[in-house]
């Protein structure tokens, strides 16, 4: 089968690799329809270490996936060949203390689709996953929308951690695809005073389209001063979605005393520093987001019900053979790219 392989920093190859096969009775063989290029896939393209961990090339990434069922194992009961499905990329054991506590996303033996060293991902023609990791998608939903349910689920999980009623004034630092999903979720929840920052003009403008009240570029202006001029008491909640250590410090300056900062972005660095005195005096709570926890079905329902429109976030679609160019476009933020996807029907 054809697969998109990261063979080193800045190197993307189209290779013929062995097609995966059903091994367990509950396995499902999937034919990939659409696979999104996530920030974590981009990390493996631009750096050979992420969070202090070396990237073991070659890597077949891709965990934002919609697919068609190709074949099923003997114990599969809900899926049939030809079914269209959305993919939950976290494969948890179901029996450890974390799974039993309702935290399958922090399972002690978790495997993650497209994570180096775990399991080859969906940037390939075929992939195998357990039936429990698949959700059917309605006929009216496009494969691109179904793929976007995964990043939307991360935003939903982050908002749950950030508080059910986080307050009227909220900042979102970083408006890549997941940051934009956070803005869309806040807007759907009735929040109107949303302040966003991003270094990409296209993404900052997209955030305004998604419902933000104000956007700024931290490379061009003092975004902390600009926001606090408008909201002198500070933000009720801040979502940091860029992974940039500078944005963490901005979040600390922006948040109200007693506020909550939700860290969604993944820094390339193993350690980051921040002004501890300010954080302590404000008694700030930090919440780290680990992917998502059982939010995929809700994301699909929100898309199906037209409560949240994610279709416009996918600004670029590429054929599999165009993957080397696709990674370059996303890494360099060319052509106003918001979200890029590989469409295996092209």
Protein backbone atom coordinates (compact mmCIF):
# COMPACT_ATOMS: atom_id res chain seq x y z
CA UNK A 1 0.00 0.00 0.00
CA UNK A 2 0.99 3.64 -0.39
CA UNK A 3 2.09 5.47 2.77
CA UNK A 4 3.34 8.97 3.57
CA UNK A 5 6.53 8.50 5.55
CA UNK A 6 8.55 11.05 7.51
CA UNK A 7 12.11 9.80 7.08
CA UNK A 8 13.87 12.64 8.90
CA UNK A 9 13.66 16.34 9.64
CA UNK A 10 12.13 18.04 6.60
CA UNK A 11 11.96 14.78 4.64
CA UNK A 12 8.67 13.31 3.41
CA UNK A 13 8.58 10.27 1.15
CA UNK A 14 5.82 8.33 -0.58
CA UNK A 15 6.64 4.66 -0.03
CA UNK A 16 5.14 1.29 -0.76
CA UNK A 17 4.84 -0.52 2.59
CA UNK A 18 3.14 -3.77 3.65
CA UNK A 19 -0.59 -3.48 4.06
CA UNK A 20 -1.71 -4.11 7.67
CA UNK A 21 -3.91 -7.10 8.36
CA UNK A 22 -6.50 -8.08 10.93
CA UNK A 23 -4.77 -9.78 13.87
CA UNK A 24 -7.35 -9.76 16.70
CA UNK A 25 -10.98 -10.82 16.57
CA UNK A 26 -12.17 -7.26 17.26
CA UNK A 27 -9.90 -5.64 14.65
CA UNK A 28 -11.27 -3.61 11.76
CA UNK A 29 -9.33 -2.96 8.57
CA UNK A 30 -9.95 0.60 7.39
CA UNK A 31 -9.37 2.30 4.06
CA UNK A 32 -8.36 5.89 4.85
CA UNK A 33 -10.60 8.56 3.33
CA UNK A 34 -9.25 11.83 4.78
CA UNK A 35 -6.33 12.37 7.16
CA UNK A 36 -5.58 15.74 8.69
CA UNK A 37 -2.09 17.13 9.22
CA UNK A 38 -1.96 17.88 12.95
CA UNK A 39 0.52 20.02 14.84
CA UNK A 40 2.07 16.87 16.28
CA UNK A 41 2.67 15.51 12.75
CA UNK A 42 4.32 18.84 11.99
CA UNK A 43 6.53 18.50 15.09
CA UNK A 44 8.04 15.31 13.66
CA UNK A 45 8.67 17.15 10.39
CA UNK A 46 10.43 20.21 11.84
CA UNK A 47 12.33 18.66 14.78
CA UNK A 48 13.87 15.32 15.70
CA UNK A 49 13.04 15.78 19.38
CA UNK A 50 9.68 16.71 20.89
CA UNK A 51 9.40 17.45 24.59
CA UNK A 52 12.86 15.97 25.11
CA UNK A 53 12.00 12.67 23.37
CA UNK A 54 13.85 11.65 20.21
CA UNK A 55 11.68 10.92 17.16
CA UNK A 56 12.41 7.36 15.93
CA UNK A 57 12.25 7.77 12.15
CA UNK A 58 10.76 6.54 9.89
CA UNK A 59 7.31 7.67 11.01
CA UNK A 60 3.87 7.17 9.48
CA UNK A 61 1.85 9.82 11.27
CA UNK A 62 -1.76 10.87 11.10
CA UNK A 63 -4.37 10.46 13.83
CA UNK A 64 -7.14 12.74 12.55
CA UNK A 65 -8.85 10.21 10.32
CA UNK A 66 -12.11 9.36 8.62
CA UNK A 67 -12.28 6.03 6.84
CA UNK A 68 -14.28 3.27 5.18
CA UNK A 69 -14.51 -0.18 6.69
CA UNK A 70 -12.71 -2.62 4.40
CA UNK A 71 -12.92 -5.84 6.44
CA UNK A 72 -13.78 -6.94 9.98
CA UNK A 73 -12.58 -9.50 12.52
CA UNK A 74 -14.69 -12.42 13.66
CA UNK A 75 -15.87 -10.72 16.89
CA UNK A 76 -16.87 -7.41 15.29
CA UNK A 77 -20.62 -6.80 15.61
CA UNK A 78 -21.26 -3.10 14.94
CA UNK A 79 -19.26 -2.53 11.75
CA UNK A 80 -19.67 -3.88 8.24
CA UNK A 81 -17.60 -3.40 5.09
CA UNK A 82 -18.52 -0.13 3.45
CA UNK A 83 -19.44 1.68 6.67
CA UNK A 84 -18.10 5.21 7.06
CA UNK A 85 -16.43 5.89 10.39
CA UNK A 86 -14.67 8.49 12.48
CA UNK A 87 -11.61 7.35 14.41
CA UNK A 88 -10.74 7.60 18.10
CA UNK A 89 -6.93 7.40 17.86
CA UNK A 90 -6.19 6.46 21.51
CA UNK A 91 -6.11 2.70 22.05
CA UNK A 92 -6.47 2.10 25.79
CA UNK A 93 -6.42 -1.18 27.70
CA UNK A 94 -9.70 -0.73 29.60
CA UNK A 95 -8.41 -2.47 32.72
CA UNK A 96 -5.70 -0.31 34.37
CA UNK A 97 -6.38 2.11 37.23
CA UNK A 98 -6.68 5.05 34.83
CA UNK A 99 -9.16 3.34 32.54
CA UNK A 100 -11.23 2.17 35.51
CA UNK A 101 -11.23 5.75 36.85
CA UNK A 102 -12.74 7.05 33.61
CA UNK A 103 -9.43 8.32 32.23
CA UNK A 104 -8.70 6.11 29.20
CA UNK A 105 -6.71 8.96 27.65
CA UNK A 106 -4.06 8.50 30.40
CA UNK A 107 -4.13 4.69 30.22
CA UNK A 108 -0.96 3.10 31.61
CA UNK A 109 -0.39 1.15 28.38
CA UNK A 110 -1.96 3.49 25.85
CA UNK A 111 -1.11 3.26 22.16
CA UNK A 112 -1.80 6.22 19.92
CA UNK A 113 -2.40 6.14 16.21
CA UNK A 114 0.45 7.80 14.32
CA UNK A 115 2.60 8.33 17.40
CA UNK A 116 6.22 7.30 16.78
CA UNK A 117 6.95 3.98 18.42
CA UNK A 118 3.27 3.27 19.12
CA UNK A 119 1.32 2.52 15.94
CA UNK A 120 1.56 3.53 12.29
CA UNK A 121 -0.99 6.21 11.55
CA UNK A 122 -3.64 7.15 9.05
CA UNK A 123 -1.35 8.85 6.52
CA UNK A 124 -1.51 5.61 4.59
CA UNK A 125 -4.08 3.85 2.44
CA UNK A 126 -5.00 1.32 5.14
CA UNK A 127 -4.91 1.11 8.92
CA UNK A 128 -6.18 -1.41 11.50
CA UNK A 129 -7.95 -0.41 14.73
CA UNK A 130 -10.16 -2.12 17.30
CA UNK A 131 -13.88 -1.81 16.73
CA UNK A 132 -14.27 0.15 20.00
CA UNK A 133 -12.18 2.95 18.46
CA UNK A 134 -14.66 3.60 15.66
CA UNK A 135 -17.83 5.66 15.52
CA UNK A 136 -20.28 5.60 12.60
CA UNK A 137 -20.89 8.88 10.85
CA UNK A 138 -24.25 10.00 9.44
CA UNK A 139 -24.88 9.99 5.70
CA UNK A 140 -25.13 13.77 5.54
CA UNK A 141 -21.69 14.31 7.09
CA UNK A 142 -18.70 14.64 4.78
CA UNK A 143 -15.54 12.65 5.34
CA UNK A 144 -13.70 15.94 5.90
CA UNK A 145 -16.13 16.96 8.65
CA UNK A 146 -15.78 13.52 10.24
CA UNK A 147 -12.00 13.89 10.26
CA UNK A 148 -12.35 17.28 11.98
CA UNK A 149 -14.32 15.70 14.84
CA UNK A 150 -11.02 14.62 16.41
CA UNK A 151 -9.48 18.10 16.78
CA UNK A 152 -12.88 19.42 17.81
CA UNK A 153 -13.00 16.76 20.55
CA UNK A 154 -9.72 18.10 21.96
CA UNK A 155 -11.24 21.57 22.20
CA UNK A 156 -14.30 20.15 23.95
CA UNK A 157 -12.13 18.32 26.47
CA UNK A 158 -10.04 21.45 27.06
CA UNK A 159 -13.14 23.54 27.74
CA UNK A 160 -14.36 20.92 30.18
CA UNK A 161 -11.05 21.18 32.05
CA UNK A 162 -11.14 24.97 31.81
CA UNK A 163 -14.45 25.09 33.67
CA UNK A 164 -18.07 24.71 32.67
CA UNK A 165 -18.67 28.44 33.21
CA UNK A 166 -15.25 30.03 32.74
CA UNK A 167 -16.55 33.62 32.70
CA UNK A 168 -17.32 36.29 30.12
CA UNK A 169 -13.78 37.33 29.12
CA UNK A 170 -11.57 34.62 27.66
CA UNK A 171 -8.28 34.62 25.78
CA UNK A 172 -7.16 31.99 23.26
CA UNK A 173 -3.44 32.23 22.52
CA UNK A 174 -2.76 30.49 19.24
CA UNK A 175 -5.44 30.02 16.59
CA UNK A 176 -4.28 27.09 14.57
CA UNK A 177 -6.93 24.44 13.89
CA UNK A 178 -7.41 23.43 17.54
CA UNK A 179 -7.33 27.03 18.73
CA UNK A 180 -10.00 27.85 16.16
CA UNK A 181 -12.02 24.88 17.43
CA UNK A 182 -11.74 26.33 20.94
CA UNK A 183 -13.09 29.65 19.68
CA UNK A 184 -15.96 27.88 17.88
CA UNK A 185 -16.82 25.94 21.05
CA UNK A 186 -16.75 29.09 23.20
CA UNK A 187 -18.95 30.88 20.68
CA UNK A 188 -21.40 27.96 20.66
CA UNK A 189 -21.46 28.11 24.47
CA UNK A 190 -22.51 31.76 24.35
CA UNK A 191 -19.16 33.43 25.13
CA UNK A 192 -18.83 36.66 23.15
CA UNK A 193 -15.83 38.47 24.68
CA UNK A 194 -13.06 36.30 23.19
CA UNK A 195 -9.55 37.70 22.68
CA UNK A 196 -7.17 35.78 20.43
CA UNK A 197 -3.55 36.01 19.37
CA UNK A 198 -1.61 34.42 16.54
CA UNK A 199 1.47 35.21 14.46
CA UNK A 200 -0.38 34.29 11.25
CA UNK A 201 -2.62 37.00 9.86
CA UNK A 202 -4.77 34.42 8.08
CA UNK A 203 -5.37 32.52 11.33
CA UNK A 204 -6.06 35.69 13.30
CA UNK A 205 -8.65 36.70 10.70
CA UNK A 206 -10.13 33.19 10.80
CA UNK A 207 -10.55 33.55 14.57
CA UNK A 208 -12.62 36.69 14.01
CA UNK A 209 -14.76 34.72 11.56
CA UNK A 210 -15.11 31.99 14.20
CA UNK A 211 -16.48 34.50 16.71
CA UNK A 212 -13.57 36.25 18.43
CA UNK A 213 -14.11 39.88 19.40
CA UNK A 214 -10.45 40.94 19.01
CA UNK A 215 -7.29 39.51 17.50
CA UNK A 216 -3.65 40.53 17.76
CA UNK A 217 -0.23 39.49 16.54
CA UNK A 218 2.39 39.08 19.32
CA UNK A 219 5.18 39.71 16.79
CA UNK A 220 3.78 43.13 15.93
CA UNK A 221 2.20 44.47 19.10
CA UNK A 222 2.12 44.17 22.87
CA UNK A 223 -0.87 41.85 22.99
CA UNK A 224 -0.96 41.75 26.78
CA UNK A 225 -1.23 45.53 27.03
CA UNK A 226 -3.78 45.67 24.19
CA UNK A 227 -6.04 43.10 25.85
CA UNK A 228 -5.71 44.56 29.36
CA UNK A 229 -6.49 48.04 27.98
CA UNK A 230 -9.85 46.55 26.96
CA UNK A 231 -10.28 44.35 30.04
CA UNK A 232 -8.26 45.96 32.90
CA UNK A 233 -9.22 43.27 35.44
CA UNK A 234 -7.87 40.53 33.21
CA UNK A 235 -9.19 37.35 31.68
CA UNK A 236 -11.51 34.93 33.44
CA UNK A 237 -9.83 32.03 31.59
CA UNK A 238 -6.94 31.61 29.17
CA UNK A 239 -6.42 28.75 26.71
CA UNK A 240 -2.82 28.46 25.52
CA UNK A 241 -2.85 26.59 22.21
CA UNK A 242 0.41 27.58 20.51
CA UNK A 243 2.99 25.61 22.47
CA UNK A 244 5.15 28.75 22.50
CA UNK A 245 6.74 29.35 25.95
CA UNK A 246 6.28 33.09 25.43
CA UNK A 247 2.52 32.54 25.23
CA UNK A 248 2.53 30.81 28.63
CA UNK A 249 4.04 33.93 30.17
CA UNK A 250 1.47 36.08 28.35
CA UNK A 251 -1.27 33.86 29.76
CA UNK A 252 0.03 34.44 33.29
CA UNK A 253 0.02 38.21 32.76
CA UNK A 254 -3.50 38.12 31.31
CA UNK A 255 -5.31 35.88 33.79
CA UNK A 256 -7.23 37.25 36.77
CA UNK A 257 -6.19 36.25 40.29
CA UNK A 258 -7.68 32.86 41.02
CA UNK A 259 -8.04 32.17 37.32
CA UNK A 260 -7.39 29.01 35.34
CA UNK A 261 -4.92 28.58 32.49
CA UNK A 262 -5.51 25.57 30.26
CA UNK A 263 -2.40 24.42 28.40
CA UNK A 264 -3.28 22.72 25.11
CA UNK A 265 -0.25 23.53 22.96
CA UNK A 266 2.71 21.14 22.96
CA UNK A 267 6.13 22.83 23.30
CA UNK A 268 9.06 21.33 21.45
CA UNK A 269 11.18 22.10 24.51
CA UNK A 270 11.45 19.60 27.36
CA UNK A 271 11.23 22.38 29.97
CA UNK A 272 9.89 25.93 29.95
CA UNK A 273 10.24 28.77 32.47
CA UNK A 274 7.62 31.23 33.65
CA UNK A 275 7.38 34.01 36.29
CA UNK A 276 6.56 31.96 39.36
CA UNK A 277 6.07 34.98 41.62
CA UNK A 278 3.24 36.33 39.48
CA UNK A 279 1.64 32.88 39.19
CA UNK A 280 1.86 32.35 42.95
CA UNK A 281 0.56 35.79 43.92
CA UNK A 282 -2.39 35.38 41.59
CA UNK A 283 -2.93 31.80 42.82
CA UNK A 284 -3.27 30.58 39.26
CA UNK A 285 -4.38 27.04 38.45
CA UNK A 286 -2.71 25.33 35.48
CA UNK A 287 -4.49 22.51 33.66
CA UNK A 288 -2.57 20.41 31.15
CA UNK A 289 -4.59 18.84 28.34
CA UNK A 290 -3.78 15.25 27.35
CA UNK A 291 -5.51 14.79 24.01
CA UNK A 292 -9.20 14.19 24.83
CA UNK A 293 -11.37 12.02 27.00
CA UNK A 294 -14.52 10.53 25.46
CA UNK A 295 -15.52 13.69 23.59
CA UNK A 296 -15.47 12.36 20.02
CA UNK A 297 -19.13 11.32 19.99
CA UNK A 298 -20.19 14.73 21.27
CA UNK A 299 -18.06 16.39 18.60
CA UNK A 300 -19.81 14.35 15.91
CA UNK A 301 -23.22 15.27 17.32
CA UNK A 302 -22.35 18.99 17.35
CA UNK A 303 -21.21 18.80 13.73
CA UNK A 304 -24.22 16.74 12.67
CA UNK A 305 -26.63 19.15 14.39
CA UNK A 306 -24.98 22.17 12.69
CA UNK A 307 -24.19 23.65 16.10
CA UNK A 308 -20.53 23.99 15.08
CA UNK A 309 -19.31 24.32 11.49
CA UNK A 310 -15.80 22.91 11.09
CA UNK A 311 -15.87 22.41 7.33
CA UNK A 312 -14.40 25.82 6.49
CA UNK A 313 -11.36 25.24 8.70
CA UNK A 314 -9.91 22.82 6.11
CA UNK A 315 -8.47 25.39 3.76
CA UNK A 316 -6.18 23.04 1.79
CA UNK A 317 -6.69 19.49 0.54
CA UNK A 318 -3.88 17.50 -1.07
CA UNK A 319 -3.61 14.20 -2.89
CA UNK A 320 -1.32 11.64 -1.20
CA UNK A 321 1.42 12.18 -3.78
CA UNK A 322 1.41 15.89 -2.88
CA UNK A 323 2.24 15.20 0.78
CA UNK A 324 5.83 16.56 0.63
CA UNK A 325 4.44 19.86 -0.62
CA UNK A 326 1.59 19.74 1.91
CA UNK A 327 3.98 19.49 4.85
CA UNK A 328 6.02 22.40 3.50
CA UNK A 329 2.92 24.56 3.07
CA UNK A 330 1.82 23.90 6.66
CA UNK A 331 5.31 24.28 8.17
CA UNK A 332 5.85 27.60 6.43
CA UNK A 333 2.21 28.72 6.81
CA UNK A 334 1.98 29.44 3.12
CA UNK A 335 -1.06 30.53 1.15
CA UNK A 336 -3.13 31.41 4.21
CA UNK A 337 -3.31 27.79 5.31
CA UNK A 338 -5.56 27.04 8.28
CA UNK A 339 -5.93 23.26 8.21
CA UNK A 340 -4.46 20.94 5.60
CA UNK A 341 -5.70 17.44 4.90
CA UNK A 342 -4.67 14.54 2.70
CA UNK A 343 -7.66 13.29 0.72
CA UNK A 344 -7.08 9.73 -0.47
CA UNK A 345 -9.82 10.07 -3.10
CA UNK A 346 -7.79 12.68 -5.02
